[in-house]
Amino acid sequence: MTLHIIKSGQATAIEQVERIIQEDDQVLLLEDGCYLLTLAASRLTAVSALSDHIKMRGLMNKAEGLGINLISVKEWVLLTRSHQQSTTW
């Protein structure tokens, strides 16, 4: 069970995760990775994003419309504790 943290705003990050993601893995978008909301929602399951980073980029309505799970920093910490591994893209 891996947490894939996508910080890069480049679409290749989603493509790379898509190639190796397993059923129990989860994806978290933060920093410039937030700009990949639409691509992540269309290609991956179990996608979350850091709420503060989404707000700062003016993407709140878009994220909610796509059904992206918005989480706090505290929830992010809990996510990292609940996954055996994490990988940052």
Protein backbone atom coordinates (compact mmCIF):
# COMPACT_ATOMS: atom_id res chain seq x y z
CA MET A 1 0.00 0.00 0.00
CA THR A 2 1.69 3.17 -1.29
CA LEU A 3 0.82 6.85 -1.03
CA HIS A 4 1.77 8.59 -4.29
CA ILE A 5 2.38 12.29 -3.58
CA ILE A 6 2.29 14.34 -6.77
CA LYS A 7 3.96 17.74 -6.39
CA SER A 8 4.91 18.27 -10.03
CA GLY A 9 2.57 20.06 -12.38
CA GLN A 10 3.75 17.99 -15.33
CA ALA A 11 1.34 15.46 -16.83
CA THR A 12 4.12 12.88 -17.01
CA ALA A 13 3.81 12.47 -13.22
CA ILE A 14 0.24 11.17 -13.64
CA GLU A 15 1.34 8.89 -16.48
CA GLN A 16 4.15 7.41 -14.37
CA VAL A 17 1.86 6.79 -11.40
CA GLU A 18 -0.76 5.28 -13.69
CA ARG A 19 1.77 2.68 -14.88
CA ILE A 20 2.63 1.38 -11.40
CA ILE A 21 -0.35 2.11 -9.15
CA GLN A 22 -1.83 -0.83 -7.26
CA GLU A 23 -5.40 -1.36 -6.07
CA ASP A 24 -4.76 -0.28 -2.44
CA ASP A 25 -2.62 2.75 -3.34
CA GLN A 26 -3.73 6.33 -2.91
CA VAL A 27 -2.80 9.55 -4.73
CA LEU A 28 -2.35 12.95 -3.09
CA LEU A 29 -2.02 16.15 -5.11
CA LEU A 30 -0.23 19.12 -3.60
CA GLU A 31 1.77 22.17 -4.67
CA ASP A 32 1.78 22.41 -8.51
CA GLY A 33 0.37 18.88 -8.71
CA CYS A 34 -2.99 20.50 -7.92
CA TYR A 35 -3.11 21.73 -11.51
CA LEU A 36 -3.43 18.09 -12.62
CA LEU A 37 -6.88 17.68 -11.02
CA THR A 38 -8.77 16.88 -14.19
CA LEU A 39 -6.17 14.46 -15.52
CA ALA A 40 -5.82 12.69 -12.17
CA ALA A 41 -9.58 12.35 -11.72
CA SER A 42 -10.00 10.87 -15.20
CA ARG A 43 -7.14 8.37 -14.98
CA LEU A 44 -6.74 7.43 -11.32
CA THR A 45 -8.90 6.34 -8.41
CA ALA A 46 -8.55 7.30 -4.74
CA VAL A 47 -7.35 10.86 -5.49
CA SER A 48 -7.09 13.42 -2.70
CA ALA A 49 -5.67 16.93 -2.66
CA LEU A 50 -4.43 19.26 0.03
CA SER A 51 -7.28 21.71 0.63
CA ASP A 52 -5.06 24.74 1.35
CA HIS A 53 -3.06 24.21 -1.85
CA ILE A 54 -6.25 23.87 -3.91
CA LYS A 55 -7.64 27.10 -2.39
CA MET A 56 -4.42 29.05 -3.05
CA ARG A 57 -4.62 28.11 -6.72
CA GLY A 58 -8.32 29.00 -7.10
CA LEU A 59 -9.29 25.41 -7.88
CA MET A 60 -11.81 24.72 -5.11
CA ASN A 61 -14.94 24.60 -7.33
CA LYS A 62 -13.18 22.47 -9.91
CA ALA A 63 -11.92 20.00 -7.29
CA GLU A 64 -15.34 19.66 -5.70
CA GLY A 65 -16.96 19.20 -9.12
CA LEU A 66 -14.54 16.39 -9.94
CA GLY A 67 -15.19 14.67 -6.61
CA ILE A 68 -11.62 15.09 -5.40
CA ASN A 69 -11.30 14.36 -1.68
CA LEU A 70 -9.94 17.54 -0.04
CA ILE A 71 -7.87 17.01 3.08
CA SER A 72 -6.07 19.08 5.71
CA VAL A 73 -2.39 18.93 6.61
CA LYS A 74 -3.31 16.90 9.70
CA GLU A 75 -5.15 14.37 7.51
CA TRP A 76 -2.09 14.22 5.24
CA VAL A 77 0.03 13.22 8.22
CA LEU A 78 -2.48 10.50 9.08
CA LEU A 79 -2.40 9.30 5.46
CA THR A 80 1.37 8.91 5.55
CA ARG A 81 1.10 6.92 8.77
CA SER A 82 -1.54 4.60 7.32
CA HIS A 83 0.51 3.68 4.22
CA GLN A 84 3.55 1.43 4.30
CA GLN A 85 5.39 3.55 1.72
CA SER A 86 5.15 6.93 0.08
CA THR A 87 6.62 8.11 -3.20
CA THR A 88 6.89 11.72 -4.32
CA TRP A 89 6.60 12.60 -7.98
